Protein backbone atom coordinates (compact mmCIF):
# COMPACT_ATOMS: atom_id res chain seq x y z
CA UNK A 1 -2.32 38.34 14.36
CA UNK A 2 -2.00 38.36 10.59
CA UNK A 3 0.27 35.78 9.02
CA UNK A 4 3.17 37.02 6.89
CA UNK A 5 2.78 36.89 3.14
CA UNK A 6 5.03 34.24 1.65
CA UNK A 7 4.31 34.12 -2.10
CA UNK A 8 3.87 30.80 -3.80
CA UNK A 9 6.45 31.49 -6.52
CA UNK A 10 9.17 32.08 -3.93
CA UNK A 11 8.05 28.95 -2.07
CA UNK A 12 8.40 26.76 -5.15
CA UNK A 13 11.84 28.16 -6.01
CA UNK A 14 13.10 27.37 -2.51
CA UNK A 15 11.35 24.00 -2.62
CA UNK A 16 13.07 22.99 -5.84
CA UNK A 17 16.50 23.77 -4.38
CA UNK A 18 15.80 21.87 -1.14
CA UNK A 19 14.32 18.90 -2.98
CA UNK A 20 17.32 18.72 -5.32
CA UNK A 21 19.72 18.74 -2.35
CA UNK A 22 17.76 15.97 -0.63
CA UNK A 23 17.60 13.98 -3.86
CA UNK A 24 21.40 14.09 -4.01
CA UNK A 25 21.55 12.69 -0.48
CA UNK A 26 18.94 10.08 -1.36
CA UNK A 27 20.99 9.04 -4.39
CA UNK A 28 24.08 8.46 -2.27
CA UNK A 29 22.14 6.49 0.36
CA UNK A 30 20.30 4.49 -2.31
CA UNK A 31 23.51 3.47 -4.08
CA UNK A 32 25.15 2.57 -0.76
CA UNK A 33 22.10 0.52 0.23
CA UNK A 34 22.03 -1.39 -3.06
CA UNK A 35 25.76 -2.13 -2.88
CA UNK A 36 25.33 -3.36 0.68
CA UNK A 37 22.26 -5.51 0.01
CA UNK A 38 23.11 -6.89 -3.42
CA UNK A 39 26.78 -7.34 -2.60
CA UNK A 40 26.09 -9.64 0.36
CA UNK A 41 27.14 -13.26 -0.18
CA UNK A 42 25.65 -15.22 2.67
CA UNK A 43 23.48 -17.98 1.22
CA UNK A 44 20.18 -16.56 2.45
CA UNK A 45 17.65 -15.35 -0.10
CA UNK A 46 17.29 -11.62 -0.36
CA UNK A 47 13.96 -10.02 0.40
CA UNK A 48 12.91 -8.89 -3.05
CA UNK A 49 9.83 -7.09 -1.73
CA UNK A 50 11.88 -4.67 0.37
CA UNK A 51 14.58 -4.28 -2.27
CA UNK A 52 11.95 -3.63 -4.93
CA UNK A 53 10.21 -1.14 -2.67
CA UNK A 54 13.41 0.85 -2.19
CA UNK A 55 14.06 0.89 -5.95
CA UNK A 56 10.51 2.08 -6.63
CA UNK A 57 10.76 4.79 -3.97
CA UNK A 58 13.99 6.09 -5.46
CA UNK A 59 12.50 6.04 -8.96
CA UNK A 60 9.43 7.94 -7.80
CA UNK A 61 11.53 10.47 -5.87
CA UNK A 62 13.66 11.03 -8.97
CA UNK A 63 10.58 11.50 -11.13
CA UNK A 64 9.08 13.91 -8.60
CA UNK A 65 12.15 16.16 -8.43
CA UNK A 66 12.31 16.12 -12.24
CA UNK A 67 8.69 17.23 -12.50
CA UNK A 68 9.45 19.98 -9.99
CA UNK A 69 12.09 21.33 -12.38
CA UNK A 70 9.73 21.05 -15.35
CA UNK A 71 6.96 22.88 -13.48
CA UNK A 72 9.31 25.72 -12.55
CA UNK A 73 10.42 26.03 -16.17
CA UNK A 74 6.78 26.24 -17.21
CA UNK A 75 5.99 28.83 -14.53
CA UNK A 76 9.03 31.11 -14.81
CA UNK A 77 9.85 30.83 -18.51
CA UNK A 78 7.00 29.47 -20.63
CA UNK A 79 4.12 31.13 -18.75
CA UNK A 80 5.98 34.06 -17.24
CA UNK A 81 3.67 36.55 -19.00
CA UNK A 82 0.45 34.61 -19.30
CA UNK A 83 -0.87 33.87 -16.72
CA UNK A 84 2.30 34.57 -14.70
CA UNK A 85 4.22 32.39 -12.23
CA UNK A 86 1.91 32.97 -9.26
CA UNK A 87 -1.33 32.09 -11.04
CA UNK A 88 0.27 29.16 -12.87
CA UNK A 89 1.73 27.63 -9.69
CA UNK A 90 -1.49 28.24 -7.75
CA UNK A 91 -3.44 26.19 -10.31
CA UNK A 92 -3.25 22.74 -8.70
CA UNK A 93 -5.36 21.34 -11.52
CA UNK A 94 -2.43 21.53 -13.95
CA UNK A 95 -1.43 18.14 -15.37
CA UNK A 96 2.14 18.37 -14.07
CA UNK A 97 0.94 19.16 -10.57
CA UNK A 98 -1.52 16.26 -10.61
CA UNK A 99 1.30 13.91 -11.59
CA UNK A 100 3.55 15.30 -8.87
CA UNK A 101 0.93 14.86 -6.18
CA UNK A 102 0.11 11.32 -7.31
CA UNK A 103 3.79 10.47 -6.90
CA UNK A 104 3.83 12.28 -3.57
CA UNK A 105 0.98 10.14 -2.22
CA UNK A 106 2.51 6.93 -3.55
CA UNK A 107 5.87 7.73 -1.97
CA UNK A 108 4.25 8.37 1.41
CA UNK A 109 2.32 5.09 1.25
CA UNK A 110 5.45 3.13 0.27
CA UNK A 111 7.57 4.78 2.96
CA UNK A 112 5.00 4.00 5.64
CA UNK A 113 4.73 0.44 4.28
CA UNK A 114 8.47 -0.12 4.72
CA UNK A 115 8.18 1.05 8.33
CA UNK A 116 5.19 -1.28 8.75
CA UNK A 117 7.22 -4.22 7.43
CA UNK A 118 10.09 -3.43 9.77
CA UNK A 119 7.72 -3.20 12.73
CA UNK A 120 6.20 -6.53 11.67
CA UNK A 121 9.62 -8.22 11.65
CA UNK A 122 10.74 -6.67 14.93
CA UNK A 123 7.56 -7.96 16.58
CA UNK A 124 8.27 -11.53 15.39
CA UNK A 125 5.77 -11.39 12.52
CA UNK A 126 2.91 -10.56 14.84
CA UNK A 127 -0.05 -9.67 12.62
CA UNK A 128 -2.09 -8.33 15.52
CA UNK A 129 0.49 -5.63 16.25
CA UNK A 130 0.55 -4.27 12.69
CA UNK A 131 -3.12 -4.79 11.80
CA UNK A 132 -4.29 -1.33 12.85
CA UNK A 133 -1.28 0.54 11.33
CA UNK A 134 -1.90 -1.38 8.09
CA UNK A 135 -5.50 -0.17 8.03
CA UNK A 136 -4.28 3.37 8.67
CA UNK A 137 -1.87 3.15 5.73
CA UNK A 138 -4.79 2.04 3.57
CA UNK A 139 -6.69 5.07 4.86
CA UNK A 140 -3.75 7.29 3.91
CA UNK A 141 -3.85 5.93 0.37
CA UNK A 142 -7.62 6.34 0.02
CA UNK A 143 -7.71 9.88 1.38
CA UNK A 144 -4.58 10.91 -0.52
CA UNK A 145 -5.69 9.64 -3.91
CA UNK A 146 -9.16 10.97 -3.17
CA UNK A 147 -7.68 14.44 -2.62
CA UNK A 148 -5.77 14.30 -5.91
CA UNK A 149 -8.91 13.06 -7.62
CA UNK A 150 -10.59 16.34 -6.63
CA UNK A 151 -8.01 18.15 -8.80
CA UNK A 152 -9.96 16.97 -11.83
CA UNK A 153 -13.09 18.85 -10.74
CA UNK A 154 -13.88 22.36 -12.02
CA UNK A 155 -13.14 23.82 -8.57
CA UNK A 156 -10.25 21.89 -6.97
CA UNK A 157 -10.14 24.34 -4.06
CA UNK A 158 -13.61 23.50 -2.76
CA UNK A 159 -14.05 22.44 0.86
CA UNK A 160 -14.30 18.73 0.03
CA UNK A 161 -10.82 18.76 -1.51
CA UNK A 162 -9.33 20.39 1.57
CA UNK A 163 -10.98 17.81 3.85
CA UNK A 164 -9.57 14.92 1.80
CA UNK A 165 -6.07 16.40 1.94
CA UNK A 166 -6.31 17.15 5.66
CA UNK A 167 -7.45 13.60 6.36
CA UNK A 168 -4.48 12.18 4.48
CA UNK A 169 -1.98 14.33 6.39
CA UNK A 170 -3.44 13.48 9.80
CA UNK A 171 -3.68 9.73 9.17
CA UNK A 172 -0.16 9.51 7.77
CA UNK A 173 1.31 11.49 10.65
CA UNK A 174 -0.41 9.36 13.30
CA UNK A 175 0.57 6.15 11.47
CA UNK A 176 4.21 7.16 11.46
CA UNK A 177 4.18 8.03 15.16
CA UNK A 178 2.53 4.71 15.99
CA UNK A 179 4.91 2.57 13.92
CA UNK A 180 7.98 4.34 15.25
CA UNK A 181 6.78 3.92 18.84
CA UNK A 182 6.00 0.22 18.37
CA UNK A 183 9.34 -0.52 16.74
CA UNK A 184 11.44 1.48 19.17
CA UNK A 185 9.52 0.03 22.12
CA UNK A 186 10.12 -3.52 20.97
CA UNK A 187 13.82 -2.92 20.47
CA UNK A 188 14.03 -1.29 23.88
CA UNK A 189 12.44 -4.43 25.36
CA UNK A 190 15.01 -6.60 23.59
CA UNK A 191 17.81 -4.49 24.99
CA UNK A 192 16.32 -4.87 28.47
CA UNK A 193 16.05 -8.64 28.06
CA UNK A 194 19.72 -8.88 27.14
CA UNK A 195 20.92 -6.24 29.58
CA UNK A 196 22.05 -8.87 32.05
CA UNK A 197 24.35 -10.58 29.57
CA UNK A 198 27.95 -10.04 28.68
CA UNK A 199 28.27 -8.50 25.23
CA UNK A 200 31.13 -7.97 22.86
CA UNK A 201 30.12 -5.14 20.59
CA UNK A 202 26.42 -5.95 20.55
CA UNK A 203 25.56 -3.72 23.51
CA UNK A 204 26.84 -0.80 21.50
CA UNK A 205 24.74 -1.94 18.54
CA UNK A 206 21.63 -1.99 20.72
CA UNK A 207 22.18 1.66 21.63
CA UNK A 208 22.83 2.48 18.00
CA UNK A 209 19.71 0.77 16.70
CA UNK A 210 17.45 2.45 19.28
CA UNK A 211 18.96 5.78 18.32
CA UNK A 212 18.53 4.88 14.66
CA UNK A 213 14.85 4.01 14.96
CA UNK A 214 14.00 6.96 17.18
CA UNK A 215 15.92 9.51 15.11
CA UNK A 216 14.57 8.21 11.81
CA UNK A 217 11.06 8.30 13.20
CA UNK A 218 11.56 11.75 14.63
CA UNK A 219 12.75 13.10 11.28
CA UNK A 220 9.66 11.80 9.51
CA UNK A 221 7.31 12.74 12.31
CA UNK A 222 8.65 16.29 12.53
CA UNK A 223 8.38 16.64 8.75
CA UNK A 224 4.80 15.43 8.71
CA UNK A 225 3.83 17.50 11.73
CA UNK A 226 5.35 20.62 10.17
CA UNK A 227 3.59 19.85 6.92
CA UNK A 228 0.24 19.59 8.69
CA UNK A 229 0.77 22.84 10.61
CA UNK A 230 1.70 24.71 7.43
CA UNK A 231 -1.29 23.16 5.67
CA UNK A 232 -3.56 24.64 8.32
CA UNK A 233 -1.89 28.06 7.92
CA UNK A 234 -1.76 28.14 4.12
CA UNK A 235 -4.34 30.06 2.05
CA UNK A 236 -6.93 27.82 0.35
CA UNK A 237 -6.23 29.21 -3.12
CA UNK A 238 -2.44 29.58 -2.82
CA UNK A 239 -2.48 33.24 -3.83
CA UNK A 240 -2.02 35.57 -0.85
CA UNK A 241 -0.78 34.28 2.48
CA UNK A 242 1.76 31.92 4.00
CA UNK A 243 2.64 29.39 1.29
CA UNK A 244 5.61 27.74 3.02
CA UNK A 245 3.65 24.48 2.88
CA UNK A 246 4.87 23.83 -0.66
CA UNK A 247 8.51 23.76 0.46
CA UNK A 248 7.82 20.85 2.78
CA UNK A 249 5.52 19.09 0.32
CA UNK A 250 8.14 19.06 -2.42
CA UNK A 251 10.71 17.68 0.03
CA UNK A 252 8.51 14.94 1.46
CA UNK A 253 9.02 12.37 -1.35
CA UNK A 254 12.77 12.59 -0.74
CA UNK A 255 12.44 12.40 3.06
CA UNK A 256 10.00 9.49 2.87
CA UNK A 257 12.51 7.63 0.74
CA UNK A 258 15.69 8.55 2.60
CA UNK A 259 14.65 7.39 6.09
CA UNK A 260 13.48 3.83 5.25
CA UNK A 261 16.39 3.31 2.85
CA UNK A 262 18.86 4.45 5.50
CA UNK A 263 17.34 2.04 8.02
CA UNK A 264 17.57 -0.85 5.55
CA UNK A 265 21.19 -0.05 4.76
CA UNK A 266 22.17 0.08 8.43
CA UNK A 267 20.31 -3.13 9.24
CA UNK A 268 22.07 -4.94 6.41
CA UNK A 269 25.45 -3.67 7.59
CA UNK A 270 24.87 -5.26 10.99
CA UNK A 271 24.05 -2.23 13.11
CA UNK A 272 20.67 -3.74 14.02
CA UNK A 273 20.25 -6.61 16.43
CA UNK A 274 16.67 -7.38 15.65
CA UNK A 275 15.68 -8.28 12.12
CA UNK A 276 18.41 -8.28 9.48
CA UNK A 277 16.72 -11.09 7.60
CA UNK A 278 13.89 -8.70 6.80
CA UNK A 279 16.17 -7.30 4.14
CA UNK A 280 18.97 -9.79 3.57
CA UNK A 281 21.25 -12.10 5.49
CA UNK A 282 22.83 -11.14 8.80
CA UNK A 283 26.52 -10.57 9.11
CA UNK A 284 27.21 -12.31 12.42
CA UNK A 285 26.61 -15.80 13.78
CA UNK A 286 26.04 -16.46 17.46
CA UNK A 287 26.35 -19.84 19.14
CA UNK A 288 23.85 -20.77 21.82
CA UNK A 289 24.36 -23.03 24.75
CA UNK A 290 22.20 -25.86 23.36
CA UNK A 291 21.08 -24.91 19.86
CA UNK A 292 22.60 -24.91 16.42
CA UNK A 293 24.60 -22.09 14.98
CA UNK A 294 22.46 -19.31 13.61
CA UNK A 295 23.24 -17.36 10.48
CA UNK A 296 20.60 -14.70 10.91
CA UNK A 297 21.07 -12.96 14.24
CA UNK A 298 23.87 -10.38 14.50
CA UNK A 299 24.19 -10.84 18.24
CA UNK A 300 26.94 -12.52 20.27
CA UNK A 301 25.94 -13.17 23.83
CA UNK A 302 27.28 -15.14 26.78
CA UNK A 303 24.79 -16.32 29.37
CA UNK A 304 25.35 -15.49 32.99
CA UNK A 305 24.69 -18.04 35.74
CA UNK A 306 21.03 -18.96 35.91
CA UNK A 307 20.41 -17.84 32.33
CA UNK A 308 20.13 -20.26 29.41
CA UNK A 309 20.26 -19.29 25.76
CA UNK A 310 19.12 -21.57 22.98
CA UNK A 311 19.59 -20.58 19.35
CA UNK A 312 18.51 -22.25 16.15
CA UNK A 313 18.57 -21.11 12.57
CA UNK A 314 15.21 -19.44 13.13
CA UNK A 315 14.86 -18.51 16.81
CA UNK A 316 16.68 -17.42 19.92
CA UNK A 317 15.22 -18.38 23.29
CA UNK A 318 16.31 -16.79 26.56
CA UNK A 319 15.36 -18.57 29.80
CA UNK A 320 15.96 -17.07 33.22
CA UNK A 321 14.22 -17.44 36.57
CA UNK A 322 11.56 -19.79 35.24
CA UNK A 323 10.61 -17.38 32.46
CA UNK A 324 11.40 -17.63 28.77
CA UNK A 325 11.11 -15.41 25.74
CA UNK A 326 11.51 -16.59 22.16
CA UNK A 327 12.33 -14.29 19.26
CA UNK A 328 11.68 -15.52 15.74
CA UNK A 329 14.21 -14.67 13.05
CA UNK A 330 13.31 -17.35 10.56
CA UNK A 331 12.15 -16.99 7.00
């Protein structure tokens, strides 16, 4: 069955509109996140790495959508006669396109790195859990920049270039699925550990944070899966065939920035019960049965008979039936 012809010029026009709409959403979420994080007055130092990462992602996403506009102007106005929009847009060796794709790769690596950091914090700073995903993110960067590096060759459409790009898409997609599963699984375990306690509003927050992690991961996973499928269906030279791939590709820098930024904003606002200190100070302070008051864990719990809860400024320990589990929330 022959695939429908979806010309590349139409794909880029639709892509620019979609990317601009997503950039507007990203701008709103970014501003809200910065107000939430920088406006917190709690005495705990802010995590400048995460804050800086969000700022860089927004800057890169803004630059990418700006270059998309510039490239369309070049294709549909400056080069409308020679060589024409289709041939101009199909030339991935153009300087503007190389810059766009470099930003695209960087945004994907940064977005996956934020998810890696969140997974690391949720798993109590367990390096063994995030070691393999970290290697995969490194593989995403190497294969992605390697693919863009092929754009500088006389024939950027040769088989080697396609293999580099395909490797990047597969590794990034699998990395995202793995990180989302690890994070959501850990939070689900936390909710199970506290399921026998009496909550105020925290039980609702547990449901919200699981939904948050799963839905954010699903959005990114669906986007990357769709991107990979369209990559497999797209023509190698971008001329005749199904070129819907470029719609998703131009939207990915925005999506890869929106999801991590939205998670950070919600965590800082107290909707998460796992790792608010990964971004800034928590908004709630529980009191344990034997420990000191904590300023980092947005969870208020009351132990049932046979269950002991000890909290300090860095940990919360739950003991029940001869078993104990300690969760680290310290700096």
